[in-house]
Amino acid sequence: MNSSIPFPFKPLLGHIGNTPLARIELTATKATILAKLEYLNPGGSIKDRSALFMVEEAERTGKLQPGGTIIEATSGNQGIALAMIGAIKGYKVIITAPDRTSTEKIAALQAYGAKVFVCPDTDNLNDPNGYHAKAKELHSEIPNSYMPNQYYNIENPKAHYLTTGPEIWQQTGGAISHCFISMGSCGTISGVGKYLKEKNSKIKIIGIDAATSKLSMPDCPKTYKTEGMGVDVITDTLNREVIDEIVPVTDNDTFRMTRELAKKGYMVGLSSGAVAYAAMKYADKFNENDVVVVIFADSGRAYLSKVFNF
């Protein structure tokens, strides 16, 4: 190492988190709307936070040993984060993904060196033909493997309680009044919501869900095309007590809003489009003193062929 460099540089994984808040113009409102730009994480999404936290906790507790294999079921971003982390730390990575996953995400996983199994999309996360069941099967078969299991792992919300929530509070100087967050594994909304509610119980936490998920349509859930969003299994990673309202958003509204945002200069992913749509529908409830944070979880570059291929 060159000792003449006057200040230290952090390694790549040390740059996960501390993403900026940017003021954006979504709609005509007197409120201040701020976007948390999570696509500026090294792996390109908010999942860098939870993935790194889970891996380091597994290393600390001995669940993940040197030379081991990380196996995860994910629609893409959690897998990409794990693939990046595995490449840096020297772990093999196997990802199972539903076939709604964009080709760009699959390519990114493979570029990092991960092995990818694309499974049929199913109406239920516990379907034996689905990607979650495939990950569990591989985990049971492969020695020295570790499955973070983001849908069931309470380290998922803890990562956001310790990082994302405090950042938002500090960056807004405690002035935040509303926070709009997409819901999938529910780690982000549960962790951020818990932290912000402890700071100020009046802050409104609004969750955005896929309109045909198990949570939003419990009697007859259906598959959907939106990635990075949709509560298909309800576990301890979901803390309903910190959520004031859940807004279901359809594929049509999500895709349309994602395209509209790009035309305004905001190249964001599908869950971000859904979050922006919900915030815009909510706009007439804001007042001039409100400080609204929307979480843009990933970039639209991960969906070019799926959303923007006209």
Protein backbone atom coordinates (compact mmCIF):
# COMPACT_ATOMS: atom_id res chain seq x y z
CA MET A 1 0.00 0.00 0.00
CA ASN A 2 1.26 3.47 -0.86
CA SER A 3 1.94 5.09 2.52
CA SER A 4 2.37 8.53 0.93
CA ILE A 5 -1.41 8.90 0.39
CA PRO A 6 -2.39 11.55 2.99
CA PHE A 7 -5.77 10.06 3.95
CA PRO A 8 -7.25 6.53 4.04
CA PHE A 9 -9.66 5.16 1.48
CA LYS A 10 -12.42 2.73 2.45
CA PRO A 11 -12.84 -0.53 0.52
CA LEU A 12 -15.87 -0.86 -1.76
CA LEU A 13 -18.16 -2.46 0.83
CA GLY A 14 -17.38 0.40 3.19
CA HIS A 15 -19.27 2.71 0.85
CA ILE A 16 -22.61 0.97 1.30
CA GLY A 17 -25.08 3.40 2.83
CA ASN A 18 -24.92 7.15 3.41
CA THR A 19 -26.80 7.73 0.17
CA PRO A 20 -27.99 11.28 -0.56
CA LEU A 21 -31.41 12.83 -0.31
CA ALA A 22 -32.30 14.84 -3.40
CA ARG A 23 -35.12 17.35 -3.68
CA ILE A 24 -37.38 16.35 -6.55
CA GLU A 25 -40.49 17.71 -8.26
CA LEU A 26 -43.12 15.00 -8.53
CA THR A 27 -46.30 17.04 -8.61
CA ALA A 28 -47.73 20.43 -7.73
CA THR A 29 -47.49 20.61 -3.95
CA LYS A 30 -46.20 23.03 -1.33
CA ALA A 31 -44.57 20.16 0.55
CA THR A 32 -40.87 19.38 0.24
CA ILE A 33 -40.39 16.03 -1.49
CA LEU A 34 -37.03 14.30 -1.10
CA ALA A 35 -35.84 11.10 -2.76
CA LYS A 36 -33.43 8.76 -0.97
CA LEU A 37 -31.18 7.67 -3.83
CA GLU A 38 -30.47 4.07 -2.89
CA TYR A 39 -29.37 3.18 -6.42
CA LEU A 40 -26.10 4.96 -5.60
CA ASN A 41 -25.03 2.07 -3.38
CA PRO A 42 -22.09 0.10 -4.89
CA GLY A 43 -24.30 -2.80 -5.98
CA GLY A 44 -26.98 -0.47 -7.31
CA SER A 45 -29.77 -0.88 -4.77
CA ILE A 46 -30.97 -0.61 -1.20
CA LYS A 47 -30.43 -4.36 -0.81
CA ASP A 48 -26.69 -3.78 -0.41
CA ARG A 49 -27.45 -2.74 3.16
CA SER A 50 -29.39 -5.81 4.27
CA ALA A 51 -27.25 -8.25 2.30
CA LEU A 52 -24.00 -7.03 3.86
CA PHE A 53 -25.53 -6.95 7.34
CA MET A 54 -26.80 -10.54 7.01
CA VAL A 55 -23.50 -11.84 5.63
CA GLU A 56 -21.41 -10.19 8.33
CA GLU A 57 -23.75 -11.43 11.05
CA ALA A 58 -23.53 -14.96 9.60
CA GLU A 59 -19.74 -14.69 9.58
CA ARG A 60 -19.76 -13.50 13.19
CA THR A 61 -21.98 -16.35 14.38
CA GLY A 62 -20.24 -19.04 12.31
CA LYS A 63 -23.19 -19.75 10.02
CA LEU A 64 -21.04 -18.75 7.05
CA GLN A 65 -17.57 -20.26 6.93
CA PRO A 66 -14.61 -19.44 4.63
CA GLY A 67 -15.05 -21.11 1.25
CA GLY A 68 -18.79 -21.45 1.82
CA THR A 69 -21.69 -20.93 -0.57
CA ILE A 70 -24.35 -18.24 -0.22
CA ILE A 71 -27.77 -19.28 -1.54
CA GLU A 72 -30.70 -16.91 -1.79
CA ALA A 73 -34.16 -16.58 -3.34
CA THR A 74 -34.61 -13.10 -4.78
CA SER A 75 -36.17 -11.18 -7.64
CA GLY A 76 -32.75 -9.68 -8.28
CA ASN A 77 -31.39 -6.90 -6.09
CA GLN A 78 -30.73 -8.93 -2.95
CA GLY A 79 -29.01 -11.47 -5.19
CA ILE A 80 -26.93 -8.85 -6.96
CA ALA A 81 -25.81 -7.46 -3.61
CA LEU A 82 -24.91 -10.94 -2.37
CA ALA A 83 -23.11 -11.75 -5.62
CA MET A 84 -21.03 -8.60 -5.31
CA ILE A 85 -20.26 -9.30 -1.65
CA GLY A 86 -19.46 -12.94 -2.41
CA ALA A 87 -17.08 -11.95 -5.20
CA ILE A 88 -15.23 -9.58 -2.85
CA LYS A 89 -15.18 -11.91 0.15
CA GLY A 90 -14.49 -15.12 -1.75
CA TYR A 91 -17.78 -17.00 -1.41
CA LYS A 92 -19.62 -18.94 -4.10
CA VAL A 93 -23.09 -17.54 -4.72
CA ILE A 94 -26.19 -19.29 -6.04
CA ILE A 95 -29.31 -17.27 -6.75
CA THR A 96 -32.81 -18.52 -7.52
CA ALA A 97 -35.05 -15.97 -9.21
CA PRO A 98 -38.62 -15.86 -10.57
CA ASP A 99 -38.97 -15.58 -14.32
CA ARG A 100 -40.36 -12.03 -13.97
CA THR A 101 -36.77 -10.94 -13.22
CA SER A 102 -35.35 -8.59 -15.85
CA THR A 103 -32.66 -9.83 -18.21
CA GLU A 104 -30.39 -7.02 -16.99
CA LYS A 105 -30.54 -8.35 -13.43
CA ILE A 106 -29.83 -11.90 -14.53
CA ALA A 107 -26.87 -10.65 -16.55
CA ALA A 108 -25.56 -8.67 -13.58
CA LEU A 109 -25.76 -11.74 -11.33
CA GLN A 110 -23.82 -13.80 -13.83
CA ALA A 111 -21.26 -11.04 -14.36
CA TYR A 112 -20.43 -11.15 -10.65
CA GLY A 113 -19.90 -14.91 -11.01
CA ALA A 114 -23.13 -16.13 -9.40
CA LYS A 115 -24.90 -19.25 -10.61
CA VAL A 116 -28.52 -18.45 -11.39
CA PHE A 117 -31.62 -20.67 -11.44
CA VAL A 118 -34.63 -19.01 -13.06
CA CYS A 119 -37.84 -20.57 -11.74
CA PRO A 120 -41.49 -20.26 -12.79
CA ASP A 121 -43.27 -17.28 -11.26
CA THR A 122 -45.95 -18.49 -8.86
CA ASP A 123 -48.97 -17.06 -7.08
CA ASN A 124 -47.56 -18.04 -3.69
CA LEU A 125 -43.99 -17.80 -2.33
CA ASN A 126 -44.32 -21.25 -0.74
CA ASP A 127 -45.26 -22.96 -4.02
CA PRO A 128 -42.95 -26.01 -4.39
CA ASN A 129 -42.20 -25.03 -7.99
CA GLY A 130 -41.15 -21.50 -7.09
CA TYR A 131 -37.83 -19.82 -6.56
CA HIS A 132 -37.99 -19.83 -2.76
CA ALA A 133 -38.56 -23.58 -2.61
CA LYS A 134 -35.67 -24.10 -5.05
CA ALA A 135 -33.32 -22.09 -2.84
CA LYS A 136 -34.30 -24.12 0.23
CA GLU A 137 -33.74 -27.34 -1.71
CA LEU A 138 -30.25 -26.26 -2.80
CA HIS A 139 -29.41 -25.12 0.72
CA SER A 140 -30.32 -28.55 2.10
CA GLU A 141 -28.20 -30.30 -0.53
CA ILE A 142 -25.03 -28.19 -0.55
CA PRO A 143 -22.63 -28.55 2.40
CA ASN A 144 -21.20 -25.42 4.04
CA SER A 145 -23.93 -23.25 2.55
CA TYR A 146 -25.72 -20.30 4.08
CA MET A 147 -29.14 -18.95 3.09
CA PRO A 148 -29.78 -15.38 4.30
CA ASN A 149 -33.49 -16.01 3.65
CA GLN A 150 -34.44 -12.34 3.50
CA TYR A 151 -38.16 -13.02 3.82
CA TYR A 152 -37.72 -14.63 7.24
CA ASN A 153 -34.47 -13.16 8.59
CA ILE A 154 -34.99 -10.55 11.33
CA GLU A 155 -31.52 -9.19 10.54
CA ASN A 156 -33.20 -7.72 7.43
CA PRO A 157 -35.20 -5.00 9.24
CA LYS A 158 -32.40 -4.59 11.78
CA ALA A 159 -30.04 -3.47 9.00
CA HIS A 160 -32.40 -0.61 8.11
CA TYR A 161 -33.12 0.24 11.75
CA LEU A 162 -29.39 0.77 12.24
CA THR A 163 -28.57 2.51 8.96
CA THR A 164 -31.33 3.74 6.63
CA GLY A 165 -33.63 5.06 9.35
CA PRO A 166 -30.95 7.09 11.18
CA GLU A 167 -29.69 8.52 7.89
CA ILE A 168 -33.13 9.79 6.91
CA TRP A 169 -33.67 11.32 10.33
CA GLN A 170 -30.28 13.04 10.35
CA GLN A 171 -30.45 14.21 6.73
CA THR A 172 -33.84 15.87 7.27
CA GLY A 173 -32.81 17.33 10.61
CA GLY A 174 -35.73 15.46 12.16
CA ALA A 175 -38.20 17.40 10.01
CA ILE A 176 -39.53 14.39 8.08
CA SER A 177 -43.32 14.09 8.19
CA HIS A 178 -43.99 11.22 5.73
CA CYS A 179 -41.97 8.31 4.37
CA PHE A 180 -43.10 6.25 1.37
CA ILE A 181 -41.46 2.81 1.12
CA SER A 182 -42.09 -0.17 -1.15
CA MET A 183 -42.86 -3.47 0.55
CA GLY A 184 -41.40 -6.84 -0.48
CA SER A 185 -39.49 -8.71 2.17
CA CYS A 186 -40.57 -5.79 4.40
CA GLY A 187 -37.14 -5.29 5.92
CA THR A 188 -36.85 -1.68 4.78
CA ILE A 189 -40.25 -0.46 5.92
CA SER A 190 -40.12 -2.31 9.24
CA GLY A 191 -36.61 -1.13 10.10
CA VAL A 192 -36.97 2.45 8.88
CA GLY A 193 -40.47 2.72 10.30
CA LYS A 194 -39.43 1.51 13.74
CA TYR A 195 -36.55 3.95 13.95
CA LEU A 196 -38.52 6.97 12.74
CA LYS A 197 -41.53 6.20 14.94
CA GLU A 198 -39.24 6.02 17.97
CA LYS A 199 -37.95 9.47 17.08
CA ASN A 200 -41.38 10.94 16.35
CA SER A 201 -44.55 8.88 16.53
CA LYS A 202 -46.39 11.40 14.34
CA ILE A 203 -44.31 10.57 11.25
CA LYS A 204 -46.51 8.80 8.71
CA ILE A 205 -45.05 5.56 7.31
CA ILE A 206 -46.79 4.58 4.08
CA GLY A 207 -46.10 1.20 2.53
CA ILE A 208 -46.56 0.45 -1.16
CA ASP A 209 -47.46 -3.09 -2.17
CA ALA A 210 -48.19 -4.90 -5.42
CA ALA A 211 -51.96 -4.85 -5.91
CA THR A 212 -52.25 -8.63 -6.36
CA SER A 213 -49.80 -9.80 -3.67
CA LYS A 214 -50.72 -12.17 -0.86
CA LEU A 215 -50.98 -9.21 1.51
CA SER A 216 -53.13 -6.99 -0.70
CA MET A 217 -55.24 -9.80 -2.18
CA PRO A 218 -55.19 -12.54 0.49
CA ASP A 219 -58.07 -14.60 -0.90
CA CYS A 220 -56.72 -14.96 -4.44
CA PRO A 221 -53.18 -13.61 -4.93
CA LYS A 222 -51.95 -13.43 -8.51
CA THR A 223 -48.57 -13.14 -10.16
CA TYR A 224 -47.44 -9.67 -11.19
CA LYS A 225 -44.70 -8.17 -13.34
CA THR A 226 -43.39 -5.57 -10.92
CA GLU A 227 -40.06 -6.52 -9.32
CA GLY A 228 -38.70 -5.51 -5.94
CA MET A 229 -42.16 -5.12 -4.46
CA GLY A 230 -45.00 -7.39 -3.35
CA VAL A 231 -45.65 -9.04 0.00
CA ASP A 232 -46.16 -12.71 -0.87
CA VAL A 233 -45.40 -14.12 2.55
CA ILE A 234 -46.09 -12.54 5.93
CA THR A 235 -43.39 -13.18 8.53
CA ASP A 236 -41.67 -11.50 11.46
CA THR A 237 -39.88 -9.16 9.05
CA LEU A 238 -43.18 -7.28 8.73
CA ASN A 239 -43.90 -4.96 11.66
CA ARG A 240 -47.42 -3.69 11.01
CA GLU A 241 -47.35 -1.52 14.13
CA VAL A 242 -45.02 1.00 12.49
CA ILE A 243 -47.00 1.27 9.24
CA ASP A 244 -49.81 3.82 9.06
CA GLU A 245 -51.16 2.88 5.66
CA ILE A 246 -50.55 0.35 2.88
CA VAL A 247 -51.26 1.43 -0.70
CA PRO A 248 -51.69 -1.30 -3.36
CA VAL A 249 -50.43 -0.25 -6.81
CA THR A 250 -51.13 -2.11 -10.05
CA ASP A 251 -48.57 -3.15 -12.65
CA ASN A 252 -50.09 -0.70 -15.14
CA ASP A 253 -49.72 2.29 -12.81
CA THR A 254 -46.24 1.20 -11.75
CA PHE A 255 -44.91 0.79 -15.29
CA ARG A 256 -46.53 4.01 -16.50
CA MET A 257 -45.17 6.07 -13.63
CA THR A 258 -41.69 4.57 -13.98
CA ARG A 259 -41.62 5.65 -17.63
CA GLU A 260 -42.94 9.12 -16.75
CA LEU A 261 -40.25 9.59 -14.11
CA ALA A 262 -37.52 8.82 -16.63
CA LYS A 263 -38.92 11.54 -18.90
CA LYS A 264 -38.57 13.94 -15.95
CA GLY A 265 -34.95 12.90 -15.44
CA TYR A 266 -35.44 10.29 -12.73
CA MET A 267 -34.24 6.96 -14.12
CA VAL A 268 -35.49 4.67 -11.36
CA GLY A 269 -36.71 1.12 -11.00
CA LEU A 270 -40.21 -0.28 -10.82
CA SER A 271 -40.70 -0.18 -7.06
CA SER A 272 -39.61 3.46 -7.12
CA GLY A 273 -42.21 4.15 -9.79
CA ALA A 274 -44.86 2.63 -7.54
CA VAL A 275 -43.67 4.68 -4.57
CA ALA A 276 -43.75 7.88 -6.62
CA TYR A 277 -47.24 7.05 -7.87
CA ALA A 278 -48.50 6.57 -4.30
CA ALA A 279 -46.88 9.81 -3.15
CA MET A 280 -48.47 11.75 -6.01
CA LYS A 281 -51.93 10.34 -5.22
CA TYR A 282 -51.36 11.38 -1.61
CA ALA A 283 -50.20 14.91 -2.50
CA ASP A 284 -53.44 16.73 -1.70
CA LYS A 285 -53.02 15.66 1.94
CA PHE A 286 -49.64 17.39 2.29
CA ASN A 287 -49.19 20.90 3.65
CA GLU A 288 -46.39 23.41 3.13
CA ASN A 289 -44.57 22.33 6.28
CA ASP A 290 -44.41 18.66 5.34
CA VAL A 291 -41.12 17.01 4.46
CA VAL A 292 -41.85 13.89 2.44
CA VAL A 293 -39.23 11.20 1.79
CA VAL A 294 -39.67 8.64 -0.97
CA ILE A 295 -37.20 5.79 -1.21
CA PHE A 296 -35.89 5.13 -4.70
CA ALA A 297 -34.62 1.61 -4.14
CA ASP A 298 -32.84 0.96 -7.44
CA SER A 299 -32.13 2.29 -10.93
CA GLY A 300 -34.18 2.03 -14.09
CA ARG A 301 -31.07 0.74 -15.85
CA ALA A 302 -31.90 -2.66 -14.36
CA TYR A 303 -35.17 -2.71 -16.35
CA LEU A 304 -34.34 -1.20 -19.73
CA SER A 305 -35.57 -4.17 -21.77
CA LYS A 306 -38.61 -4.73 -19.57
CA VAL A 307 -39.92 -1.20 -19.01
CA PHE A 308 -38.28 1.10 -21.52
CA ASN A 309 -38.06 -1.09 -24.62
CA PHE A 310 -40.57 0.73 -26.81
